[in-house]
Protein backbone atom coordinates (compact mmCIF):
# COMPACT_ATOMS: atom_id res chain seq x y z
CA MET A 1 202.62 151.11 122.98
CA SER A 2 199.68 153.40 123.67
CA ASP A 3 196.24 153.76 124.90
CA LEU A 4 194.04 155.71 122.11
CA PRO A 5 192.54 158.32 124.17
CA PRO A 6 188.76 158.47 124.91
CA SER A 7 186.14 159.47 122.06
CA ASP A 8 185.42 162.92 121.94
CA ILE A 9 181.72 163.50 121.10
CA SER A 10 181.38 165.82 118.18
CA HIS A 11 180.01 166.19 114.82
CA ASP A 12 183.45 165.70 113.46
CA GLN A 13 183.50 162.00 114.71
CA HIS A 14 180.38 161.08 113.26
CA ALA A 15 181.12 162.37 110.01
CA VAL A 16 184.39 160.64 110.11
CA ARG A 17 182.51 157.15 111.14
CA ARG A 18 180.24 157.66 108.34
CA ALA A 19 183.17 158.00 105.84
CA LYS A 20 184.75 154.84 106.92
CA LEU A 21 181.50 152.98 106.24
CA ALA A 22 180.83 154.18 103.04
CA GLU A 23 184.62 153.15 102.27
CA MET A 24 183.70 149.79 103.58
CA ARG A 25 180.85 149.73 101.64
CA ALA A 26 182.62 150.66 98.50
CA GLY A 27 184.88 148.13 98.94
CA GLY A 28 182.38 145.45 99.08
CA PHE A 29 181.41 144.98 102.48
CA ASP A 30 178.83 146.04 104.71
CA PRO A 31 178.48 145.46 108.45
CA PHE A 32 175.45 145.83 108.43
CA ARG A 33 174.86 142.58 106.67
CA ALA A 34 177.32 140.20 108.32
CA ASN A 35 176.40 138.08 111.57
CA VAL A 36 178.75 135.91 113.66
CA ALA A 37 177.93 132.43 115.46
CA THR A 38 178.80 132.79 118.82
CA THR A 39 179.86 129.95 121.07
CA HIS A 40 180.13 131.39 124.16
CA PHE A 41 179.58 134.50 126.23
CA SER A 42 182.47 136.24 127.77
CA GLY A 43 182.47 134.68 131.50
CA ASP A 44 181.68 131.55 129.83
CA ALA A 45 184.59 131.65 127.92
CA ILE A 46 186.72 132.59 130.60
CA LYS A 47 186.07 129.83 132.61
CA LEU A 48 187.23 126.92 130.14
CA HIS A 49 190.62 127.97 130.18
CA VAL A 50 192.44 125.64 131.69
CA ASP A 51 196.15 126.81 133.75
CA GLY A 52 199.30 125.49 131.49
CA GLN A 53 196.75 124.52 128.27
CA ASP A 54 197.44 127.86 126.14
CA ASN A 55 195.53 127.72 122.85
CA ALA A 56 193.55 124.30 123.69
CA VAL A 57 190.31 125.60 123.68
CA THR A 58 188.69 127.63 120.70
CA VAL A 59 185.69 130.10 121.15
CA THR A 60 184.11 132.26 119.63
CA VAL A 61 182.67 135.17 121.02
CA ALA A 62 181.14 138.61 120.53
CA GLY A 63 180.67 142.08 121.53
CA ARG A 64 181.12 145.68 121.44
CA LEU A 65 184.75 147.09 121.60
CA VAL A 66 185.46 149.30 124.63
CA THR A 67 188.95 149.39 125.01
CA ILE A 68 191.88 149.33 122.45
CA ARG A 69 195.62 149.26 123.33
CA ASP A 70 197.60 149.62 120.10
CA MET A 71 201.04 148.30 120.20
CA GLY A 72 202.08 148.64 116.49
CA LYS A 73 201.65 145.34 114.78
CA SER A 74 199.30 143.99 117.69
CA GLN A 75 196.52 144.96 119.60
CA PHE A 76 194.74 144.18 122.98
CA VAL A 77 191.21 144.80 122.87
CA LYS A 78 188.34 144.27 125.05
CA ILE A 79 184.63 143.56 124.10
CA LEU A 80 181.55 144.01 126.09
CA ASP A 81 178.46 141.39 126.40
CA GLN A 82 175.87 140.40 128.56
CA GLN A 83 177.95 138.97 130.94
CA GLY A 84 181.15 141.53 131.14
CA GLN A 85 184.26 142.10 128.93
CA ILE A 86 186.64 139.51 127.55
CA GLN A 87 190.20 140.43 126.34
CA LEU A 88 191.17 140.15 122.18
CA TYR A 89 194.40 139.66 121.11
CA VAL A 90 194.94 141.15 117.53
CA LYS A 91 198.40 140.63 115.69
CA LYS A 92 198.69 141.11 112.13
CA ASP A 93 201.06 137.97 111.46
CA VAL A 94 197.76 135.60 112.02
CA VAL A 95 195.11 137.41 110.85
CA GLY A 96 196.68 138.58 107.94
CA ASP A 97 197.78 142.43 106.54
CA VAL A 98 194.72 143.38 105.08
CA ALA A 99 192.22 142.03 107.91
CA TYR A 100 195.13 143.68 110.32
CA ALA A 101 194.73 147.29 108.48
CA ALA A 102 190.71 146.98 108.35
CA PHE A 103 190.89 146.35 112.10
CA LYS A 104 193.03 148.89 112.85
CA LYS A 105 190.42 151.31 111.78
CA LEU A 106 188.08 150.07 114.05
CA ASP A 107 186.35 152.49 116.67
CA LEU A 108 185.37 152.58 120.29
CA GLY A 109 181.66 151.16 119.83
CA ASP A 110 182.13 148.80 117.27
CA ILE A 111 180.75 145.48 117.54
CA LEU A 112 182.29 142.75 116.01
CA GLY A 113 182.49 138.72 116.27
CA ALA A 114 185.92 136.92 116.95
CA LYS A 115 187.40 133.29 117.01
CA GLY A 116 190.27 132.04 118.14
CA THR A 117 192.04 130.20 121.10
CA LEU A 118 192.34 131.28 124.89
CA PHE A 119 195.33 131.48 126.65
CA LYS A 120 196.83 133.72 129.48
CA THR A 121 198.59 136.56 129.22
CA LYS A 122 201.70 137.50 132.07
CA THR A 123 199.19 139.53 133.51
CA GLY A 124 197.04 136.61 134.26
CA GLU A 125 194.61 137.95 132.07
CA VAL A 126 192.44 135.20 129.84
CA THR A 127 192.42 136.21 126.33
CA VAL A 128 191.32 135.12 123.24
CA ARG A 129 194.21 134.86 120.82
CA VAL A 130 191.86 136.25 117.67
CA GLU A 131 192.23 133.94 114.10
CA SER A 132 189.51 135.80 112.34
CA TYR A 133 186.99 138.67 112.98
CA THR A 134 183.94 140.23 111.71
CA LEU A 135 182.70 143.56 112.09
CA VAL A 136 178.86 142.80 112.63
CA ALA A 137 177.76 146.73 113.34
CA LYS A 138 179.51 150.11 112.85
CA ALA A 139 178.88 152.34 115.75
CA LEU A 140 178.41 155.69 114.16
CA HIS A 141 178.27 157.97 117.34
CA PRO A 142 181.13 158.00 119.77
CA LEU A 143 180.32 156.44 123.53
CA PRO A 144 180.50 158.69 125.89
CA GLU A 145 183.81 160.15 127.11
CA LYS A 146 185.98 157.54 129.12
CA TRP A 147 186.27 159.32 132.48
CA HIS A 148 183.17 161.48 132.89
CA GLY A 149 180.78 159.11 131.55
CA LEU A 150 177.09 160.40 131.44
CA SER A 151 177.37 163.30 133.96
CA ASP A 152 173.53 164.25 133.42
CA PRO A 153 170.92 162.28 135.35
CA GLU A 154 168.14 162.51 132.34
CA GLN A 155 170.66 161.21 129.80
CA VAL A 156 171.12 158.42 131.94
CA TYR A 157 167.64 157.49 132.08
CA ARG A 158 166.70 158.57 128.00
CA GLN A 159 169.76 157.24 126.78
CA ARG A 160 169.57 154.05 128.90
CA TYR A 161 171.83 151.97 126.03
CA LEU A 162 174.43 154.28 126.94
CA ASP A 163 174.49 153.62 130.30
CA LEU A 164 174.30 150.33 130.16
CA ILE A 165 177.33 150.33 128.38
CA VAL A 166 179.59 152.70 130.07
CA ASN A 167 178.58 152.35 133.97
CA ALA A 168 179.02 148.97 135.03
CA GLU A 169 177.25 150.00 138.32
CA SER A 170 174.15 150.42 136.36
CA ARG A 171 174.51 147.71 134.37
CA ALA A 172 175.14 145.25 137.14
CA ARG A 173 172.20 146.87 139.26
CA LEU A 174 169.69 146.40 136.06
CA LEU A 175 170.98 142.66 135.87
CA LEU A 176 170.47 141.89 139.25
CA ARG A 177 166.66 143.07 139.23
CA SER A 178 166.29 140.40 136.51
CA ARG A 179 167.50 137.86 138.56
CA ILE A 180 165.63 139.06 141.56
CA VAL A 181 162.36 138.89 139.48
CA SER A 182 163.38 134.99 138.39
CA HIS A 183 163.65 134.02 141.75
CA ILE A 184 160.64 135.00 143.24
CA ARG A 185 158.80 133.53 140.30
CA ARG A 186 160.17 130.05 140.68
CA PHE A 187 160.26 130.41 144.44
CA LEU A 188 156.19 131.14 144.16
CA GLU A 189 156.23 128.10 141.15
CA ALA A 190 158.08 125.80 143.96
CA GLN A 191 154.71 126.42 146.17
CA GLN A 192 152.55 125.04 143.75
CA PHE A 193 151.41 128.61 143.09
CA ILE A 194 150.18 129.45 139.42
CA GLU A 195 151.12 132.09 137.18
CA VAL A 196 148.71 133.92 135.01
CA GLU A 197 147.79 137.12 133.25
CA THR A 198 145.16 139.25 133.71
CA PRO A 199 143.82 142.56 131.33
CA VAL A 200 145.53 145.56 131.72
CA LEU A 201 142.56 147.56 129.80
CA GLU A 202 139.50 147.40 132.53
CA ASN A 203 136.10 148.93 132.55
CA THR A 204 136.62 149.53 136.24
CA ALA A 205 140.01 150.86 137.54
CA GLY A 206 139.39 148.94 140.85
CA GLY A 207 141.89 147.00 143.58
CA ALA A 208 143.05 150.29 144.80
CA ALA A 209 142.47 154.05 145.28
CA ALA A 210 144.23 155.63 142.73
CA ARG A 211 143.85 157.87 139.55
CA PRO A 212 144.10 155.92 136.07
CA PHE A 213 145.15 156.76 132.76
CA LYS A 214 142.18 156.85 130.48
CA THR A 215 142.25 155.19 126.75
CA HIS A 216 139.53 154.72 124.12
CA HIS A 217 138.99 151.11 122.54
CA ASN A 218 137.92 152.57 118.49
CA ALA A 219 136.69 148.87 117.40
CA LEU A 220 134.37 148.45 120.24
CA ASP A 221 133.67 152.57 121.22
CA VAL A 222 134.52 152.22 124.82
CA ASP A 223 136.41 153.93 127.02
CA PHE A 224 138.90 151.96 128.98
CA PHE A 225 141.27 152.00 131.95
CA LEU A 226 144.54 151.17 132.13
CA ARG A 227 144.87 148.95 135.32
CA ILE A 228 146.11 150.48 138.93
CA ALA A 229 145.98 146.50 140.31
CA THR A 230 145.24 143.16 139.34
CA GLU A 231 143.72 142.27 143.14
CA LEU A 232 140.16 142.31 141.71
CA ARG A 233 140.93 139.70 138.92
CA LEU A 234 142.88 137.50 140.70
CA LYS A 235 140.38 136.82 143.67
CA ARG A 236 137.76 136.18 140.53
CA LEU A 237 139.97 133.35 139.98
CA LEU A 238 140.07 131.95 143.67
CA VAL A 239 136.29 131.73 142.92
CA GLY A 240 136.85 129.58 139.75
CA GLY A 241 139.23 127.46 142.08
CA PHE A 242 142.63 128.25 141.43
CA ASP A 243 143.61 128.19 144.48
CA ARG A 244 146.77 129.65 144.60
CA VAL A 245 147.78 132.17 142.14
CA PHE A 246 150.18 135.28 141.32
CA GLU A 247 150.93 137.58 138.78
CA ILE A 248 154.08 139.88 138.00
CA GLY A 249 152.56 142.60 136.15
CA ARG A 250 152.92 146.09 134.77
CA ILE A 251 150.46 148.77 136.91
CA PHE A 252 149.61 152.13 135.62
CA ARG A 253 148.85 154.98 138.40
CA ASN A 254 148.30 158.83 136.93
CA GLU A 255 149.42 160.34 139.90
CA GLY A 256 153.22 161.86 140.81
CA VAL A 257 156.65 161.12 140.39
CA SER A 258 159.03 160.40 143.51
CA ARG A 259 161.96 158.92 144.65
CA LYS A 260 159.89 155.96 145.32
CA HIS A 261 156.91 156.45 142.88
CA ASN A 262 156.72 155.98 139.02
CA PRO A 263 153.56 156.11 137.35
CA GLU A 264 154.10 153.00 135.69
CA PHE A 265 155.74 150.16 137.80
CA THR A 266 155.59 146.30 138.51
CA MET A 267 153.72 144.63 141.19
CA LEU A 268 154.05 141.13 142.10
CA GLU A 269 150.40 140.25 143.36
CA VAL A 270 149.67 136.75 145.14
CA TYR A 271 146.80 134.99 146.45
CA GLN A 272 146.69 131.57 148.20
CA ALA A 273 143.17 130.04 149.10
CA TYR A 274 142.38 128.86 153.07
CA SER A 275 145.11 131.29 153.90
CA ASP A 276 145.17 134.59 155.84
CA HIS A 277 147.26 137.64 156.37
CA ARG A 278 149.26 135.60 158.80
CA GLY A 279 150.02 133.06 156.31
CA MET A 280 151.47 135.84 154.02
CA MET A 281 153.99 136.76 156.65
CA THR A 282 155.34 133.58 156.41
CA LEU A 283 155.20 133.24 152.76
CA ILE A 284 156.89 136.83 152.38
CA LYS A 285 159.80 136.24 154.99
CA ASP A 286 161.06 133.00 153.42
CA MET A 287 160.64 134.42 149.91
CA LEU A 288 162.70 137.27 150.99
CA THR A 289 165.41 135.31 152.95
CA THR A 290 165.94 132.56 150.12
CA LEU A 291 165.90 135.70 147.56
CA CYS A 292 168.75 137.39 149.64
CA ARG A 293 170.56 134.21 150.07
CA ASP A 294 170.67 132.40 146.87
CA VAL A 295 170.79 135.67 144.68
CA LEU A 296 172.88 138.09 146.71
CA GLY A 297 174.79 135.43 148.30
CA THR A 298 173.88 136.86 152.11
CA THR A 299 171.18 137.74 153.87
CA LYS A 300 172.30 140.82 155.07
CA ILE A 301 172.44 143.87 153.74
CA LYS A 302 173.31 147.90 154.38
CA HIS A 303 170.70 150.22 154.41
CA ALA A 304 172.53 153.35 152.52
CA ALA A 305 170.63 155.75 153.90
CA SER A 306 170.62 154.89 157.52
CA GLY A 307 173.95 153.19 157.50
CA GLN A 308 171.71 150.17 159.49
CA GLU A 309 172.79 146.51 158.40
CA ILE A 310 169.16 144.75 157.94
CA ASP A 311 169.31 140.97 158.15
CA PHE A 312 166.51 139.18 156.79
CA ALA A 313 167.49 135.77 158.54
CA GLY A 314 166.76 137.67 161.98
CA GLU A 315 163.51 138.74 163.80
CA TRP A 316 160.83 140.65 162.41
CA ARG A 317 158.97 143.24 163.95
CA GLU A 318 155.72 142.92 164.55
CA VAL A 319 153.83 145.64 165.95
CA ASP A 320 150.12 147.60 165.79
CA TYR A 321 149.53 150.63 163.75
CA LYS A 322 147.49 152.32 167.00
CA ASP A 323 150.65 151.47 169.38
CA LEU A 324 152.88 153.13 166.68
CA ILE A 325 150.60 156.11 166.52
CA ARG A 326 150.63 156.54 170.47
CA GLU A 327 154.01 156.53 170.60
CA ALA A 328 154.32 159.32 167.92
CA THR A 329 151.86 161.55 169.70
CA GLY A 330 152.93 160.74 173.08
CA ASP A 331 149.12 160.73 173.16
CA ALA A 332 147.84 157.15 175.02
CA GLU A 333 144.41 158.70 173.88
CA TRP A 334 145.25 160.03 170.62
CA PHE A 335 141.83 157.71 168.98
CA ALA A 336 139.72 159.41 171.33
CA ARG A 337 140.49 162.38 170.43
CA SER A 338 138.43 164.84 168.48
CA LYS A 339 138.93 166.05 164.86
CA ALA A 340 140.14 169.43 166.13
CA GLU A 341 142.53 167.90 168.84
CA LYS A 342 144.19 165.58 166.24
CA ILE A 343 144.61 168.12 163.84
CA ALA A 344 146.26 170.09 166.58
CA GLY A 345 148.45 167.22 167.46
CA ALA A 346 149.47 166.45 163.65
CA GLU A 347 150.90 170.43 163.61
CA LYS A 348 152.59 170.13 166.60
CA LEU A 349 154.61 167.36 164.83
CA GLY A 350 155.33 169.81 162.10
CA LEU A 351 153.27 168.37 159.33
CA SER A 352 150.26 170.32 157.16
CA VAL A 353 147.02 168.64 157.08
CA SER A 354 143.43 170.04 155.66
CA PRO A 355 140.86 170.74 158.11
CA THR A 356 138.85 168.56 155.18
CA TRP A 357 140.53 165.45 155.56
CA GLU A 358 138.76 162.78 157.74
CA GLU A 359 140.19 161.78 161.03
CA PHE A 360 141.72 158.53 159.76
CA GLU A 361 143.87 160.94 156.90
CA ILE A 362 145.04 162.96 159.52
CA THR A 363 146.37 159.81 161.44
CA ASN A 364 147.84 158.02 158.48
CA GLU A 365 149.64 161.76 157.66
CA ILE A 366 151.80 160.98 161.01
CA PHE A 367 152.36 157.18 160.37
CA SER A 368 153.51 158.20 156.51
CA LYS A 369 155.72 161.14 157.66
CA LYS A 370 156.87 160.39 161.06
CA ILE A 371 156.72 156.99 161.13
CA GLU A 372 156.68 154.84 158.34
CA PRO A 373 160.47 156.48 157.62
CA THR A 374 161.97 155.28 160.63
CA LEU A 375 161.06 151.64 160.27
CA ILE A 376 164.46 150.24 158.91
CA GLN A 377 164.44 146.88 160.22
CA PRO A 378 161.64 144.56 158.64
CA THR A 379 158.60 145.17 160.31
CA PHE A 380 155.16 144.35 159.95
CA VAL A 381 152.72 147.16 160.88
CA LEU A 382 149.33 145.26 161.74
CA LYS A 383 145.44 146.45 162.25
CA LEU A 384 145.26 149.39 160.15
CA PRO A 385 142.29 151.63 160.39
CA LYS A 386 139.25 149.73 158.63
CA GLU A 387 138.75 152.91 156.14
CA LEU A 388 142.53 152.41 154.78
CA CYS A 389 141.06 149.56 152.88
CA PRO A 390 137.75 148.20 151.82
CA LEU A 391 139.12 144.90 150.57
CA ALA A 392 140.27 143.36 153.98
CA LYS A 393 138.83 141.73 156.84
CA ILE A 394 137.44 143.36 160.08
CA SER A 395 139.45 142.39 162.74
CA LEU A 396 137.35 140.50 165.12
CA ASP A 397 138.96 141.64 168.15
CA ASP A 398 138.42 145.35 167.50
CA PRO A 399 135.95 146.56 164.85
CA THR A 400 137.64 149.60 163.91
CA THR A 401 140.54 147.92 162.41
CA ILE A 402 141.04 145.07 159.54
CA ASP A 403 143.68 141.83 159.44
CA VAL A 404 146.44 143.13 157.27
CA PHE A 405 149.89 144.17 157.67
CA GLU A 406 152.05 146.47 155.81
CA LEU A 407 155.53 145.35 155.70
CA THR A 408 157.81 147.95 155.79
CA ILE A 409 161.58 147.99 155.65
CA GLY A 410 164.23 150.64 154.82
CA GLY A 411 161.59 153.38 155.73
CA MET A 412 159.24 152.37 152.99
CA GLU A 413 156.48 149.73 152.20
CA VAL A 414 157.36 147.01 150.30
CA ALA A 415 154.27 144.69 150.77
CA PRO A 416 151.04 145.26 152.12
CA ALA A 417 148.82 142.04 153.12
CA TYR A 418 145.28 141.11 153.97
CA SER A 419 142.82 138.57 155.23
CA GLU A 420 140.68 138.77 152.18
CA GLN A 421 137.38 140.36 152.20
CA ASN A 422 135.24 136.90 150.77
CA ASP A 423 131.45 138.36 152.29
CA PRO A 424 129.64 139.44 149.59
CA ASP A 425 127.31 141.89 151.59
CA VAL A 426 129.99 143.08 153.76
CA GLN A 427 132.04 143.63 151.00
CA ARG A 428 129.52 145.82 149.16
CA ALA A 429 129.28 147.73 152.15
CA MET A 430 132.61 148.36 153.22
CA PHE A 431 132.77 149.31 149.48
CA GLU A 432 130.01 151.94 149.96
CA ALA A 433 130.91 153.55 153.52
CA GLN A 434 134.16 154.49 151.53
CA ALA A 435 135.29 158.14 153.04
CA GLY A 436 138.37 160.45 152.32
CA GLU A 437 139.76 161.76 149.11
CA GLU A 438 141.03 157.85 148.02
CA LYS A 439 138.41 156.16 147.22
CA GLN A 440 138.26 152.73 145.32
CA ASN A 441 135.99 152.68 142.58
CA ILE A 442 132.96 149.69 143.00
CA ASP A 443 133.14 146.64 140.58
CA HIS A 444 129.63 145.32 140.64
CA ASP A 445 131.26 142.60 138.70
CA PHE A 446 133.57 141.42 141.38
CA LEU A 447 130.89 141.55 143.79
CA LEU A 448 128.78 139.00 141.71
CA ALA A 449 131.73 136.61 141.39
CA LEU A 450 132.16 136.57 145.35
CA GLU A 451 128.05 135.87 145.51
CA HIS A 452 129.29 132.94 143.98
CA GLY A 453 131.70 131.91 146.84
CA MET A 454 135.32 132.77 147.18
CA PRO A 455 137.03 130.67 150.02
CA PRO A 456 139.14 132.53 152.68
CA ALA A 457 142.26 134.00 151.36
CA GLY A 458 145.45 135.58 152.16
CA GLY A 459 146.47 138.14 149.79
CA MET A 460 149.41 140.27 149.49
CA GLY A 461 151.34 142.66 147.03
CA VAL A 462 154.73 143.03 146.51
CA GLY A 463 156.07 146.25 145.06
CA ILE A 464 159.02 144.76 142.67
CA ASP A 465 160.71 148.40 142.09
CA ARG A 466 161.08 149.41 145.42
CA LEU A 467 161.92 145.77 146.58
CA CYS A 468 165.01 145.74 144.30
CA ILE A 469 165.92 149.54 145.40
CA LEU A 470 166.41 148.07 148.74
CA LEU A 471 168.03 144.94 147.80
CA THR A 472 170.66 146.76 145.49
CA GLY A 473 171.13 149.95 147.19
CA ALA A 474 169.67 152.08 144.45
CA GLU A 475 168.77 155.93 145.04
CA SER A 476 165.69 155.81 143.69
CA ILE A 477 162.98 154.03 141.83
CA ARG A 478 164.20 155.24 138.12
CA ASP A 479 168.20 153.31 138.89
CA VAL A 480 166.04 150.14 138.96
CA ILE A 481 163.70 150.52 136.14
CA LEU A 482 164.92 150.56 132.50
CA PHE A 483 163.23 152.99 130.48
CA PRO A 484 161.82 155.20 133.39
CA GLN A 485 159.07 157.91 132.27
CA LEU A 486 160.20 161.38 131.10
CA ARG A 487 158.93 164.38 129.44
CA PRO A 488 159.35 163.78 125.69
CA GLY A 489 162.58 164.63 124.57
CA SER A 490 163.35 166.55 121.58
CA MET A 491 166.02 164.34 120.36
CA LYS A 492 166.75 163.98 116.65
CA THR A 493 168.98 161.64 114.60
CA GLY A 494 172.47 162.58 115.18
CA GLU A 495 171.77 164.38 117.95
CA THR A 496 172.93 164.30 121.54
CA ASP A 497 170.36 164.79 124.60
CA LYS A 498 171.02 167.72 125.98
CA THR A 499 168.14 167.89 128.17
């Protein structure tokens, strides 16, 4: 008995595999014209076996060949499918001389289907005793070397398909992302929210302060922007009588790339008529608590960077933005200081600020760089400066702030929420009064919709990618996106990515 050595990525292997394919075709069999009717995924098949009842259940499974143990007249191999791995036992006396000889010529990475009965080996592993098999795709390139895998981070992202095959951690993380999104959708539907789809191409890039991507529609001869938010479209639906709506959609912002930022990302936006930012607090807490319990199996996770345990079923802190700033600066009179004094205060904290910035931008730089990264436990930061968002209602007890929260967990913003502004005259005035470097574009059609009457509402955005970073323990947003944006590669067919 011997374990076949890990595949060595080389042009020789590519040539050998192509020669095997040519030999098969010359013999009248083309694997790319074959198929198999599976009855079960690997995990489901394994669950069917009953102890003491070997060879009682017949299954047909399929997957990619990832392990080969050659024992002469028999082979133990493992195939990988959507649910994981399952072992196959292929014996010459069972499948026949010709089929067994052909099976021994298979390579790691080949895709095959196999029919047989379930039994448990002496080591306790449920295995398929193969009666027949079919090769349905020949892998013309070898898989990455077994022990070193994909060591180049760029290759991991550029050739994600290989990453999913050889890296169990990546595979589990990205499958978990799908379960997280599915749970969020079911949770909201159970609360009688309606899922909708709104346009990606917009005449006005509104709903956020961000640089958009621009494109041109040839048939209409009109420039469009890829959406930077879904907010203004969804609030039009509130005007139209859809009282509870949500969208899980792709958002595009032509801005920087970092551990927490990708130019194309997934955002949940949810709006509820006759609610407010306090209603959104209840919604997000219930949603994340049940999500952790139902999907992760626990409401407690460990924050990798800080080592702290985060308990979603515990207390969620509420604190005013201004109080955090006063605490961080050690200045109870911070908001009464002059611009020059605020610049000096920020620089004293080690921050570099521009004298051209507005005062609220200087203050928010302190929050973003010195406060937010320290908020590991679930924290609702309340009553932000009104200059930061023109779409929320002004606080009744402080006209310099707005009725909003930023939910920060794990040192990053996960979900902002507002008591939505529904007064069309105030909304127009707030759009026009915007200052600073980041200003939202004025969507006049949205203002017209507001003039027809929008009910009071709470609205919230949840960054799905950031939430997945938090819940999966990923190091970067790229690790939770199947195909993150990269600079164009120079790969050609038959080449391995070297970037």
